Amino acid sequence: MRAKIVRIGNSQGVRIPKPLLLRSGLSGEVEIDAQDDQIVIRAARRPREDWDAAFVRMSESGDDVLLDGDTRALPRTVLMLESCEVGTDIEHVTSP
């Protein structure tokens, strides 16, 4: 299917025919990327959208253990300092 690049305000764009949109299932927000001599339009992904399934797989395979080990034995000050942002004035750190 051919289309023309047209002026839309101060930009340029392509009007996508309705049958093509229906066939693609695209609507709402999309991601646009330029690759070589083509422009690729795909459905916008939500950040972390696949995390639930990944957590289930990790749990089933026994791969959901803490990498830092058990932090309950660490002194409270160490845990507080680990949660501070870089550059935090240590004198002003208070217990949560």
PDB file of N, CA and C in Angstrom:
ATOM      1  N   MET A   1       0.842  -1.163   0.000  1.00  0.00           N
ATOM      2  CA  MET A   1       0.000   0.000   0.000  1.00  0.00           C
ATOM      3  C   MET A   1       0.897   1.239   0.000  1.00  0.00           C
ATOM      4  N   ARG A   2       0.606   2.183  -0.841  1.00  0.00           N
ATOM      5  CA  ARG A   2       1.395   3.408  -0.932  1.00  0.00           C
ATOM      6  C   ARG A   2       0.684   4.540  -0.209  1.00  0.00           C
ATOM      7  N   ALA A   3       1.489   5.456   0.309  1.00  0.00           N
ATOM      8  CA  ALA A   3       0.962   6.649   0.961  1.00  0.00           C
ATOM      9  C   ALA A   3       1.934   7.786   0.691  1.00  0.00           C
ATOM     10  N   LYS A   4       1.478   9.000   0.878  1.00  0.00           N
ATOM     11  CA  LYS A   4       2.330  10.160   0.671  1.00  0.00           C
ATOM     12  C   LYS A   4       2.667  10.785   2.025  1.00  0.00           C
ATOM     13  N   ILE A   5       3.884  11.321   2.098  1.00  0.00           N
ATOM     14  CA  ILE A   5       4.273  12.095   3.268  1.00  0.00           C
ATOM     15  C   ILE A   5       3.661  13.474   3.080  1.00  0.00           C
ATOM     16  N   VAL A   6       2.885  13.913   4.085  1.00  0.00           N
ATOM     17  CA  VAL A   6       2.154  15.181   3.989  1.00  0.00           C
ATOM     18  C   VAL A   6       2.557  16.098   5.146  1.00  0.00           C
ATOM     19  N   ARG A   7       2.303  17.386   4.932  1.00  0.00           N
ATOM     20  CA  ARG A   7       2.580  18.364   5.972  1.00  0.00           C
ATOM     21  C   ARG A   7       1.431  18.329   6.972  1.00  0.00           C
ATOM     22  N   ILE A   8       1.810  18.231   8.282  1.00  0.00           N
ATOM     23  CA  ILE A   8       0.830  18.271   9.368  1.00  0.00           C
ATOM     24  C   ILE A   8       1.342  19.311  10.361  1.00  0.00           C
ATOM     25  N   GLY A   9       0.796  20.543  10.268  1.00  0.00           N
ATOM     26  CA  GLY A   9       1.306  21.632  11.100  1.00  0.00           C
ATOM     27  C   GLY A   9       2.735  21.938  10.710  1.00  0.00           C
ATOM     28  N   ASN A  10       3.635  21.984  11.698  1.00  0.00           N
ATOM     29  CA  ASN A  10       5.049  22.242  11.424  1.00  0.00           C
ATOM     30  C   ASN A  10       5.817  20.949  11.167  1.00  0.00           C
ATOM     31  N   SER A  11       5.139  19.830  11.189  1.00  0.00           N
ATOM     32  CA  SER A  11       5.781  18.526  11.003  1.00  0.00           C
ATOM     33  C   SER A  11       5.339  17.907   9.699  1.00  0.00           C
ATOM     34  N   GLN A  12       5.795  16.699   9.475  1.00  0.00           N
ATOM     35  CA  GLN A  12       5.331  15.921   8.339  1.00  0.00           C
ATOM     36  C   GLN A  12       4.861  14.571   8.861  1.00  0.00           C
ATOM     37  N   GLY A  13       3.989  13.935   8.158  1.00  0.00           N
ATOM     38  CA  GLY A  13       3.483  12.657   8.617  1.00  0.00           C
ATOM     39  C   GLY A  13       2.891  11.852   7.486  1.00  0.00           C
ATOM     40  N   VAL A  14       2.402  10.695   7.839  1.00  0.00           N
ATOM     41  CA  VAL A  14       1.748   9.800   6.892  1.00  0.00           C
ATOM     42  C   VAL A  14       0.382   9.473   7.450  1.00  0.00           C
ATOM     43  N   ARG A  15      -0.644   9.638   6.654  1.00  0.00           N
ATOM     44  CA  ARG A  15      -1.987   9.226   7.070  1.00  0.00           C
ATOM     45  C   ARG A  15      -2.086   7.725   6.838  1.00  0.00           C
ATOM     46  N   ILE A  16      -2.397   7.009   7.913  1.00  0.00           N
ATOM     47  CA  ILE A  16      -2.460   5.549   7.806  1.00  0.00           C
ATOM     48  C   ILE A  16      -3.906   5.149   7.512  1.00  0.00           C
ATOM     49  N   PRO A  17      -4.132   4.457   6.396  1.00  0.00           N
ATOM     50  CA  PRO A  17      -5.493   4.044   6.048  1.00  0.00           C
ATOM     51  C   PRO A  17      -6.098   3.150   7.124  1.00  0.00           C
ATOM     52  N   LYS A  18      -7.398   3.322   7.365  1.00  0.00           N
ATOM     53  CA  LYS A  18      -8.110   2.576   8.404  1.00  0.00           C
ATOM     54  C   LYS A  18      -7.962   1.061   8.255  1.00  0.00           C
ATOM     55  N   PRO A  19      -8.082   0.496   7.047  1.00  0.00           N
ATOM     56  CA  PRO A  19      -7.931  -0.965   6.923  1.00  0.00           C
ATOM     57  C   PRO A  19      -6.566  -1.467   7.417  1.00  0.00           C
ATOM     58  N   LEU A  20      -5.527  -0.663   7.197  1.00  0.00           N
ATOM     59  CA  LEU A  20      -4.190  -1.048   7.638  1.00  0.00           C
ATOM     60  C   LEU A  20      -4.100  -1.004   9.170  1.00  0.00           C
ATOM     61  N   LEU A  21      -4.704   0.021   9.769  1.00  0.00           N
ATOM     62  CA  LEU A  21      -4.737   0.099  11.229  1.00  0.00           C
ATOM     63  C   LEU A  21      -5.519  -1.069  11.827  1.00  0.00           C
ATOM     64  N   LEU A  22      -6.647  -1.387  11.233  1.00  0.00           N
ATOM     65  CA  LEU A  22      -7.455  -2.513  11.736  1.00  0.00           C
ATOM     66  C   LEU A  22      -6.684  -3.816  11.640  1.00  0.00           C
ATOM     67  N   ARG A  23      -6.003  -4.017  10.522  1.00  0.00           N
ATOM     68  CA  ARG A  23      -5.227  -5.247  10.313  1.00  0.00           C
ATOM     69  C   ARG A  23      -4.064  -5.346  11.291  1.00  0.00           C
ATOM     70  N   SER A  24      -3.450  -4.211  11.638  1.00  0.00           N
ATOM     71  CA  SER A  24      -2.295  -4.228  12.532  1.00  0.00           C
ATOM     72  C   SER A  24      -2.702  -4.308  14.000  1.00  0.00           C
ATOM     73  N   GLY A  25      -3.913  -3.868  14.323  1.00  0.00           N
ATOM     74  CA  GLY A  25      -4.360  -3.867  15.707  1.00  0.00           C
ATOM     75  C   GLY A  25      -3.790  -2.712  16.518  1.00  0.00           C
ATOM     76  N   LEU A  26      -3.127  -1.774  15.858  1.00  0.00           N
ATOM     77  CA  LEU A  26      -2.535  -0.638  16.557  1.00  0.00           C
ATOM     78  C   LEU A  26      -3.590   0.407  16.883  1.00  0.00           C
ATOM     79  N   SER A  27      -3.462   0.994  18.079  1.00  0.00           N
ATOM     80  CA  SER A  27      -4.312   2.119  18.454  1.00  0.00           C
ATOM     81  C   SER A  27      -3.657   2.818  19.633  1.00  0.00           C
ATOM     82  N   GLY A  28      -4.085   4.035  19.904  1.00  0.00           N
ATOM     83  CA  GLY A  28      -3.533   4.762  21.041  1.00  0.00           C
ATOM     84  C   GLY A  28      -2.071   5.090  20.847  1.00  0.00           C
ATOM     85  N   GLU A  29      -1.276   4.857  21.894  1.00  0.00           N
ATOM     86  CA  GLU A  29       0.142   5.210  21.865  1.00  0.00           C
ATOM     87  C   GLU A  29       0.966   4.144  21.152  1.00  0.00           C
ATOM     88  N   VAL A  30       1.910   4.601  20.325  1.00  0.00           N
ATOM     89  CA  VAL A  30       2.793   3.691  19.589  1.00  0.00           C
ATOM     90  C   VAL A  30       4.240   4.139  19.758  1.00  0.00           C
ATOM     91  N   GLU A  31       5.164   3.252  19.443  1.00  0.00           N
ATOM     92  CA  GLU A  31       6.586   3.586  19.399  1.00  0.00           C
ATOM     93  C   GLU A  31       6.996   3.688  17.945  1.00  0.00           C
ATOM     94  N   ILE A  32       7.808   4.686  17.625  1.00  0.00           N
ATOM     95  CA  ILE A  32       8.261   4.904  16.257  1.00  0.00           C
ATOM     96  C   ILE A  32       9.781   4.854  16.255  1.00  0.00           C
ATOM     97  N   ASP A  33      10.339   4.134  15.275  1.00  0.00           N
ATOM     98  CA  ASP A  33      11.784   3.986  15.203  1.00  0.00           C
ATOM     99  C   ASP A  33      12.211   4.021  13.739  1.00  0.00           C
ATOM    100  N   ALA A  34      13.348   4.624  13.475  1.00  0.00           N
ATOM    101  CA  ALA A  34      13.909   4.631  12.125  1.00  0.00           C
ATOM    102  C   ALA A  34      14.987   3.570  12.048  1.00  0.00           C
ATOM    103  N   GLN A  35      14.870   2.693  11.054  1.00  0.00           N
ATOM    104  CA  GLN A  35      15.851   1.633  10.823  1.00  0.00           C
ATOM    105  C   GLN A  35      16.210   1.632   9.347  1.00  0.00           C
ATOM    106  N   ASP A  36      17.457   1.981   9.071  1.00  0.00           N
ATOM    107  CA  ASP A  36      17.934   2.092   7.689  1.00  0.00           C
ATOM    108  C   ASP A  36      17.004   2.986   6.884  1.00  0.00           C
ATOM    109  N   ASP A  37      16.359   2.442   5.855  1.00  0.00           N
ATOM    110  CA  ASP A  37      15.501   3.253   4.994  1.00  0.00           C
ATOM    111  C   ASP A  37      14.017   3.040   5.293  1.00  0.00           C
ATOM    112  N   GLN A  38      13.694   2.674   6.527  1.00  0.00           N
ATOM    113  CA  GLN A  38      12.288   2.449   6.872  1.00  0.00           C
ATOM    114  C   GLN A  38      11.951   3.032   8.236  1.00  0.00           C
ATOM    115  N   ILE A  39      10.680   3.330   8.441  1.00  0.00           N
ATOM    116  CA  ILE A  39      10.170   3.777   9.733  1.00  0.00           C
ATOM    117  C   ILE A  39       9.289   2.655  10.261  1.00  0.00           C
ATOM    118  N   VAL A  40       9.594   2.205  11.471  1.00  0.00           N
ATOM    119  CA  VAL A  40       8.858   1.091  12.075  1.00  0.00           C
ATOM    120  C   VAL A  40       7.938   1.655  13.154  1.00  0.00           C
ATOM    121  N   ILE A  41       6.667   1.291  13.083  1.00  0.00           N
ATOM    122  CA  ILE A  41       5.679   1.701  14.083  1.00  0.00           C
ATOM    123  C   ILE A  41       5.205   0.436  14.780  1.00  0.00           C
ATOM    124  N   ARG A  42       5.286   0.412  16.115  1.00  0.00           N
ATOM    125  CA  ARG A  42       4.835  -0.764  16.869  1.00  0.00           C
ATOM    126  C   ARG A  42       4.061  -0.292  18.088  1.00  0.00           C
ATOM    127  N   ALA A  43       3.271  -1.186  18.654  1.00  0.00           N
ATOM    128  CA  ALA A  43       2.519  -0.867  19.865  1.00  0.00           C
ATOM    129  C   ALA A  43       3.488  -0.484  20.974  1.00  0.00           C
ATOM    130  N   ALA A  44       3.145   0.540  21.737  1.00  0.00           N
ATOM    131  CA  ALA A  44       3.983   0.973  22.854  1.00  0.00           C
ATOM    132  C   ALA A  44       3.912  -0.065  23.964  1.00  0.00           C
ATOM    133  N   ARG A  45       5.069  -0.438  24.473  1.00  0.00           N
ATOM    134  CA  ARG A  45       5.126  -1.393  25.580  1.00  0.00           C
ATOM    135  C   ARG A  45       5.091  -0.631  26.890  1.00  0.00           C
ATOM    136  N   ARG A  46       4.458  -1.233  27.863  1.00  0.00           N
ATOM    137  CA  ARG A  46       4.457  -0.654  29.203  1.00  0.00           C
ATOM    138  C   ARG A  46       5.713  -1.114  29.919  1.00  0.00           C
ATOM    139  N   PRO A  47       6.367  -0.206  30.650  1.00  0.00           N
ATOM    140  CA  PRO A  47       7.547  -0.636  31.411  1.00  0.00           C
ATOM    141  C   PRO A  47       7.172  -1.745  32.387  1.00  0.00           C
ATOM    142  N   ARG A  48       7.999  -2.739  32.483  1.00  0.00           N
ATOM    143  CA  ARG A  48       7.830  -3.862  33.416  1.00  0.00           C
ATOM    144  C   ARG A  48       6.583  -4.699  33.138  1.00  0.00           C
ATOM    145  N   GLU A  49       6.044  -4.666  31.925  1.00  0.00           N
ATOM    146  CA  GLU A  49       4.804  -5.395  31.657  1.00  0.00           C
ATOM    147  C   GLU A  49       4.963  -6.909  31.753  1.00  0.00           C
ATOM    148  N   ASP A  50       6.147  -7.437  31.543  1.00  0.00           N
ATOM    149  CA  ASP A  50       6.350  -8.885  31.593  1.00  0.00           C
ATOM    150  C   ASP A  50       6.911  -9.360  32.925  1.00  0.00           C
ATOM    151  N   TRP A  51       7.029  -8.477  33.898  1.00  0.00           N
ATOM    152  CA  TRP A  51       7.669  -8.832  35.156  1.00  0.00           C
ATOM    153  C   TRP A  51       6.888  -9.893  35.940  1.00  0.00           C
ATOM    154  N   ASP A  52       5.563  -9.832  35.935  1.00  0.00           N
ATOM    155  CA  ASP A  52       4.773 -10.823  36.685  1.00  0.00           C
ATOM    156  C   ASP A  52       5.096 -12.238  36.228  1.00  0.00           C
ATOM    157  N   ALA A  53       5.090 -12.461  34.927  1.00  0.00           N
ATOM    158  CA  ALA A  53       5.398 -13.795  34.393  1.00  0.00           C
ATOM    159  C   ALA A  53       6.835 -14.185  34.699  1.00  0.00           C
ATOM    160  N   ALA A  54       7.753 -13.221  34.640  1.00  0.00           N
ATOM    161  CA  ALA A  54       9.164 -13.509  34.936  1.00  0.00           C
ATOM    162  C   ALA A  54       9.325 -13.907  36.399  1.00  0.00           C
ATOM    163  N   PHE A  55       8.611 -13.233  37.306  1.00  0.00           N
ATOM    164  CA  PHE A  55       8.698 -13.583  38.726  1.00  0.00           C
ATOM    165  C   PHE A  55       8.158 -14.985  38.981  1.00  0.00           C
ATOM    166  N   VAL A  56       7.101 -15.353  38.309  1.00  0.00           N
ATOM    167  CA  VAL A  56       6.548 -16.704  38.465  1.00  0.00           C
ATOM    168  C   VAL A  56       7.565 -17.737  37.991  1.00  0.00           C
ATOM    169  N   ARG A  57       8.176 -17.492  36.820  1.00  0.00           N
ATOM    170  CA  ARG A  57       9.193 -18.422  36.316  1.00  0.00           C
ATOM    171  C   ARG A  57      10.385 -18.521  37.262  1.00  0.00           C
ATOM    172  N   MET A  58      10.813 -17.386  37.813  1.00  0.00           N
ATOM    173  CA  MET A  58      11.926 -17.389  38.761  1.00  0.00           C
ATOM    174  C   MET A  58      11.581 -18.204  40.006  1.00  0.00           C
ATOM    175  N   SER A  59      10.376 -18.025  40.504  1.00  0.00           N
ATOM    176  CA  SER A  59       9.951 -18.752  41.698  1.00  0.00           C
ATOM    177  C   SER A  59       9.886 -20.248  41.431  1.00  0.00           C
ATOM    178  N   GLU A  60       9.338 -20.616  40.281  1.00  0.00           N
ATOM    179  CA  GLU A  60       9.218 -22.037  39.926  1.00  0.00           C
ATOM    180  C   GLU A  60      10.580 -22.693  39.758  1.00  0.00           C
ATOM    181  N   SER A  61      11.572 -21.924  39.307  1.00  0.00           N
ATOM    182  CA  SER A  61      12.897 -22.510  39.095  1.00  0.00           C
ATOM    183  C   SER A  61      13.813 -22.335  40.310  1.00  0.00           C
ATOM    184  N   GLY A  62      13.287 -21.745  41.392  1.00  0.00           N
ATOM    185  CA  GLY A  62      14.084 -21.554  42.591  1.00  0.00           C
ATOM    186  C   GLY A  62      15.124 -20.452  42.456  1.00  0.00           C
ATOM    187  N   ASP A  63      14.897 -19.549  41.520  1.00  0.00           N
ATOM    188  CA  ASP A  63      15.866 -18.489  41.248  1.00  0.00           C
ATOM    189  C   ASP A  63      15.414 -17.153  41.837  1.00  0.00           C
ATOM    190  N   ASP A  64      14.673 -17.193  42.952  1.00  0.00           N
ATOM    191  CA  ASP A  64      14.170 -15.961  43.538  1.00  0.00           C
ATOM    192  C   ASP A  64      14.738 -15.717  44.939  1.00  0.00           C
ATOM    193  N   VAL A  65      15.995 -16.055  45.119  1.00  0.00           N
ATOM    194  CA  VAL A  65      16.647 -15.850  46.410  1.00  0.00           C
ATOM    195  C   VAL A  65      17.346 -14.495  46.430  1.00  0.00           C
ATOM    196  N   LEU A  66      17.528 -13.926  47.623  1.00  0.00           N
ATOM    197  CA  LEU A  66      18.238 -12.654  47.752  1.00  0.00           C
ATOM    198  C   LEU A  66      19.701 -12.838  47.399  1.00  0.00           C
ATOM    199  N   LEU A  67      20.230 -11.989  46.546  1.00  0.00           N
ATOM    200  CA  LEU A  67      21.639 -12.071  46.182  1.00  0.00           C
ATOM    201  C   LEU A  67      22.531 -11.581  47.314  1.00  0.00           C
ATOM    202  N   ASP A  68      22.010 -10.687  48.155  1.00  0.00           N
ATOM    203  CA  ASP A  68      22.782 -10.159  49.275  1.00  0.00           C
ATOM    204  C   ASP A  68      22.693 -11.049  50.506  1.00  0.00           C
ATOM    205  N   GLY A  69      21.969 -12.134  50.410  1.00  0.00           N
ATOM    206  CA  GLY A  69      21.797 -12.997  51.576  1.00  0.00           C
ATOM    207  C   GLY A  69      20.781 -12.405  52.529  1.00  0.00           C
ATOM    208  N   ASP A  70      20.763 -12.898  53.737  1.00  0.00           N
ATOM    209  CA  ASP A  70      19.807 -12.467  54.745  1.00  0.00           C
ATOM    210  C   ASP A  70      20.286 -11.158  55.362  1.00  0.00           C
ATOM    211  N   THR A  71      19.561 -10.068  55.112  1.00  0.00           N
ATOM    212  CA  THR A  71      19.965  -8.756  55.631  1.00  0.00           C
ATOM    213  C   THR A  71      19.418  -8.496  57.024  1.00  0.00           C
ATOM    214  N   ARG A  72      18.613  -9.409  57.573  1.00  0.00           N
ATOM    215  CA  ARG A  72      18.064  -9.188  58.918  1.00  0.00           C
ATOM    216  C   ARG A  72      19.167  -9.156  59.972  1.00  0.00           C
ATOM    217  N   ALA A  73      20.300  -9.781  59.729  1.00  0.00           N
ATOM    218  CA  ALA A  73      21.375  -9.832  60.708  1.00  0.00           C
ATOM    219  C   ALA A  73      22.264  -8.582  60.677  1.00  0.00           C
ATOM    220  N   LEU A  74      22.113  -7.734  59.646  1.00  0.00           N
ATOM    221  CA  LEU A  74      22.954  -6.540  59.538  1.00  0.00           C
ATOM    222  C   LEU A  74      22.476  -5.460  60.511  1.00  0.00           C
ATOM    223  N   PRO A  75      23.388  -4.658  61.029  1.00  0.00           N
ATOM    224  CA  PRO A  75      22.981  -3.545  61.894  1.00  0.00           C
ATOM    225  C   PRO A  75      22.076  -2.586  61.127  1.00  0.00           C
ATOM    226  N   ARG A  76      21.141  -1.979  61.812  1.00  0.00           N
ATOM    227  CA  ARG A  76      20.158  -1.075  61.197  1.00  0.00           C
ATOM    228  C   ARG A  76      20.848   0.083  60.461  1.00  0.00           C
ATOM    229  N   THR A  77      21.956   0.620  60.985  1.00  0.00           N
ATOM    230  CA  THR A  77      22.644   1.734  60.325  1.00  0.00           C
ATOM    231  C   THR A  77      23.151   1.350  58.948  1.00  0.00           C
ATOM    232  N   VAL A  78      23.626   0.132  58.794  1.00  0.00           N
ATOM    233  CA  VAL A  78      24.122  -0.308  57.484  1.00  0.00           C
ATOM    234  C   VAL A  78      22.971  -0.323  56.489  1.00  0.00           C
ATOM    235  N   LEU A  79      21.822  -0.829  56.894  1.00  0.00           N
ATOM    236  CA  LEU A  79      20.666  -0.867  55.998  1.00  0.00           C
ATOM    237  C   LEU A  79      20.222   0.543  55.632  1.00  0.00           C
ATOM    238  N   MET A  80      20.248   1.456  56.596  1.00  0.00           N
ATOM    239  CA  MET A  80      19.850   2.832  56.312  1.00  0.00           C
ATOM    240  C   MET A  80      20.809   3.474  55.325  1.00  0.00           C
ATOM    241  N   LEU A  81      22.094   3.260  55.504  1.00  0.00           N
ATOM    242  CA  LEU A  81      23.071   3.868  54.606  1.00  0.00           C
ATOM    243  C   LEU A  81      22.958   3.314  53.200  1.00  0.00           C
ATOM    244  N   GLU A  82      22.638   2.035  53.061  1.00  0.00           N
ATOM    245  CA  GLU A  82      22.485   1.446  51.726  1.00  0.00           C
ATOM    246  C   GLU A  82      21.311   2.055  50.990  1.00  0.00           C
ATOM    247  N   SER A  83      20.319   2.553  51.715  1.00  0.00           N
ATOM    248  CA  SER A  83      19.143   3.114  51.053  1.00  0.00           C
ATOM    249  C   SER A  83      19.272   4.607  50.774  1.00  0.00           C
ATOM    250  N   CYS A  84      20.387   5.238  51.195  1.00  0.00           N
ATOM    251  CA  CYS A  84      20.595   6.667  50.961  1.00  0.00           C
ATOM    252  C   CYS A  84      21.078   6.910  49.535  1.00  0.00           C
ATOM    253  N   GLU A  85      20.731   8.081  49.028  1.00  0.00           N
ATOM    254  CA  GLU A  85      21.234   8.473  47.720  1.00  0.00           C
ATOM    255  C   GLU A  85      22.694   8.896  47.851  1.00  0.00           C
ATOM    256  N   VAL A  86      23.428   8.800  46.757  1.00  0.00           N
ATOM    257  CA  VAL A  86      24.813   9.246  46.745  1.00  0.00           C
ATOM    258  C   VAL A  86      24.837  10.735  47.064  1.00  0.00           C
ATOM    259  N   GLY A  87      25.752  11.133  47.944  1.00  0.00           N
ATOM    260  CA  GLY A  87      25.868  12.533  48.300  1.00  0.00           C
ATOM    261  C   GLY A  87      25.015  12.940  49.491  1.00  0.00           C
ATOM    262  N   THR A  88      24.271  12.003  50.106  1.00  0.00           N
ATOM    263  CA  THR A  88      23.445  12.324  51.261  1.00  0.00           C
ATOM    264  C   THR A  88      24.344  12.664  52.446  1.00  0.00           C
ATOM    265  N   ASP A  89      23.986  13.733  53.153  1.00  0.00           N
ATOM    266  CA  ASP A  89      24.729  14.120  54.351  1.00  0.00           C
ATOM    267  C   ASP A  89      24.367  13.128  55.450  1.00  0.00           C
ATOM    268  N   ILE A  90      25.332  12.308  55.860  1.00  0.00           N
ATOM    269  CA  ILE A  90      25.092  11.218  56.810  1.00  0.00           C
ATOM    270  C   ILE A  90      24.550  11.742  58.133  1.00  0.00           C
ATOM    271  N   GLU A  91      24.924  12.959  58.552  1.00  0.00           N
ATOM    272  CA  GLU A  91      24.454  13.506  59.824  1.00  0.00           C
ATOM    273  C   GLU A  91      22.947  13.699  59.835  1.00  0.00           C
ATOM    274  N   HIS A  92      22.331  13.842  58.645  1.00  0.00           N
ATOM    275  CA  HIS A  92      20.894  14.095  58.570  1.00  0.00           C
ATOM    276  C   HIS A  92      20.072  12.848  58.250  1.00  0.00           C
ATOM    277  N   VAL A  93      20.685  11.684  58.286  1.00  0.00           N
ATOM    278  CA  VAL A  93      19.961  10.434  58.034  1.00  0.00           C
ATOM    279  C   VAL A  93      19.206  10.078  59.303  1.00  0.00           C
ATOM    280  N   THR A  94      17.916   9.848  59.181  1.00  0.00           N
ATOM    281  CA  THR A  94      17.119   9.465  60.347  1.00  0.00           C
ATOM    282  C   THR A  94      16.512   8.096  60.118  1.00  0.00           C
ATOM    283  N   SER A  95      16.129   7.487  61.173  1.00  0.00           N
ATOM    284  CA  SER A  95      15.518   6.168  61.097  1.00  0.00           C
ATOM    285  C   SER A  95      14.151   6.269  60.449  1.00  0.00           C
ATOM    286  N   PRO A  96      13.822   5.338  59.532  1.00  0.00           N
ATOM    287  CA  PRO A  96      12.519   5.413  58.866  1.00  0.00           C
ATOM    288  C   PRO A  96      11.384   5.094  59.817  1.00  0.00           C
TER     289      PRO A  96
END
